Amino acid sequence: MPLLDKIARDVTDLQTGLRELKASQDQASRDHSKAIEQLQASQDQLARAFRAAKNDAVGAATPARLPPRPPPPRSPRFP
């Protein structure tokens, strides 16, 4: 019987190891998904910042329109 007891313990240990491995893989999968979501959010934020900076640069490069100058004063025709 000692051989059967050892086999039973080994099987129990393997089952425990498999449960722990599955739990570890599940946690790694959740961590991976969370990291992907954070990366996508960071990329979206960077893209928004880039677009805003680009729009600011385009606005700064375009000169503001000034109102037209009034004509110079006319000198009198007769002194």
Protein backbone atom coordinates (compact mmCIF):
# COMPACT_ATOMS: atom_id res chain seq x y z
CA MET A 1 0.00 0.00 0.00
CA PRO A 2 2.79 2.52 0.46
CA LEU A 3 3.17 2.74 -3.32
CA LEU A 4 -0.54 3.54 -3.75
CA ASP A 5 -0.32 6.17 -1.02
CA LYS A 6 2.64 7.80 -2.77
CA ILE A 7 0.82 7.75 -6.10
CA ALA A 8 -2.26 9.30 -4.47
CA ARG A 9 -0.14 12.07 -2.90
CA ASP A 10 1.60 12.70 -6.23
CA VAL A 11 -1.75 12.97 -8.02
CA THR A 12 -3.04 15.35 -5.34
CA ASP A 13 0.13 17.44 -5.61
CA LEU A 14 -0.21 17.56 -9.41
CA GLN A 15 -3.83 18.66 -9.15
CA THR A 16 -2.86 21.41 -6.71
CA GLY A 17 -0.03 22.49 -8.98
CA LEU A 18 -2.35 22.62 -11.98
CA ARG A 19 -4.89 24.76 -10.07
CA GLU A 20 -2.12 27.15 -9.01
CA LEU A 21 -0.78 27.31 -12.56
CA LYS A 22 -4.24 28.06 -13.96
CA ALA A 23 -4.80 30.78 -11.35
CA SER A 24 -1.41 32.27 -12.21
CA GLN A 25 -2.18 32.22 -15.93
CA ASP A 26 -5.58 33.83 -15.33
CA GLN A 27 -3.93 36.61 -13.31
CA ALA A 28 -1.29 37.13 -16.00
CA SER A 29 -4.03 37.36 -18.63
CA ARG A 30 -5.91 39.99 -16.58
CA ASP A 31 -2.69 41.93 -16.04
CA HIS A 32 -1.93 41.77 -19.76
CA SER A 33 -5.40 43.04 -20.68
CA LYS A 34 -5.10 45.89 -18.18
CA ALA A 35 -1.68 46.86 -19.55
CA ILE A 36 -3.09 46.92 -23.10
CA GLU A 37 -5.96 49.17 -22.00
CA GLN A 38 -3.53 51.54 -20.27
CA LEU A 39 -1.29 51.61 -23.33
CA GLN A 40 -4.22 52.40 -25.61
CA ALA A 41 -5.37 55.16 -23.26
CA SER A 42 -1.85 56.62 -23.22
CA GLN A 43 -1.66 56.50 -27.02
CA ASP A 44 -5.04 58.24 -27.29
CA GLN A 45 -3.91 60.92 -24.85
CA LEU A 46 -0.66 61.42 -26.76
CA ALA A 47 -2.54 61.68 -30.06
CA ARG A 48 -4.87 64.32 -28.59
CA ALA A 49 -1.92 66.29 -27.24
CA PHE A 50 -0.16 66.07 -30.60
CA ARG A 51 -3.24 67.29 -32.46
CA ALA A 52 -3.68 70.17 -30.00
CA ALA A 53 -0.03 71.17 -30.33
CA LYS A 54 -0.25 70.96 -34.10
CA ASN A 55 -3.37 73.13 -34.13
CA ASP A 56 -1.68 75.65 -31.83
CA ALA A 57 1.36 75.76 -34.10
CA VAL A 58 -0.79 76.28 -37.17
CA GLY A 59 -2.70 79.07 -35.40
CA ALA A 60 0.54 80.75 -34.33
CA ALA A 61 1.98 80.53 -37.84
CA THR A 62 -1.03 82.26 -39.38
CA PRO A 63 -0.69 86.03 -38.94
CA ALA A 64 -3.63 87.80 -37.42
CA ARG A 65 -5.54 89.92 -39.90
CA LEU A 66 -5.19 93.58 -39.20
CA PRO A 67 -7.87 96.05 -40.17
CA PRO A 68 -7.08 98.02 -43.33
CA ARG A 69 -5.18 101.26 -42.84
CA PRO A 70 -7.12 104.43 -43.33
CA PRO A 71 -5.97 106.53 -46.27
CA PRO A 72 -3.42 109.25 -45.45
CA PRO A 73 -4.86 112.69 -44.81
CA ARG A 74 -5.22 114.75 -47.94
CA SER A 75 -3.48 118.03 -48.16
CA PRO A 76 -5.71 120.98 -48.93
CA ARG A 77 -5.87 121.92 -52.63
CA PHE A 78 -5.86 125.61 -52.02
CA PRO A 79 -3.53 127.33 -49.67
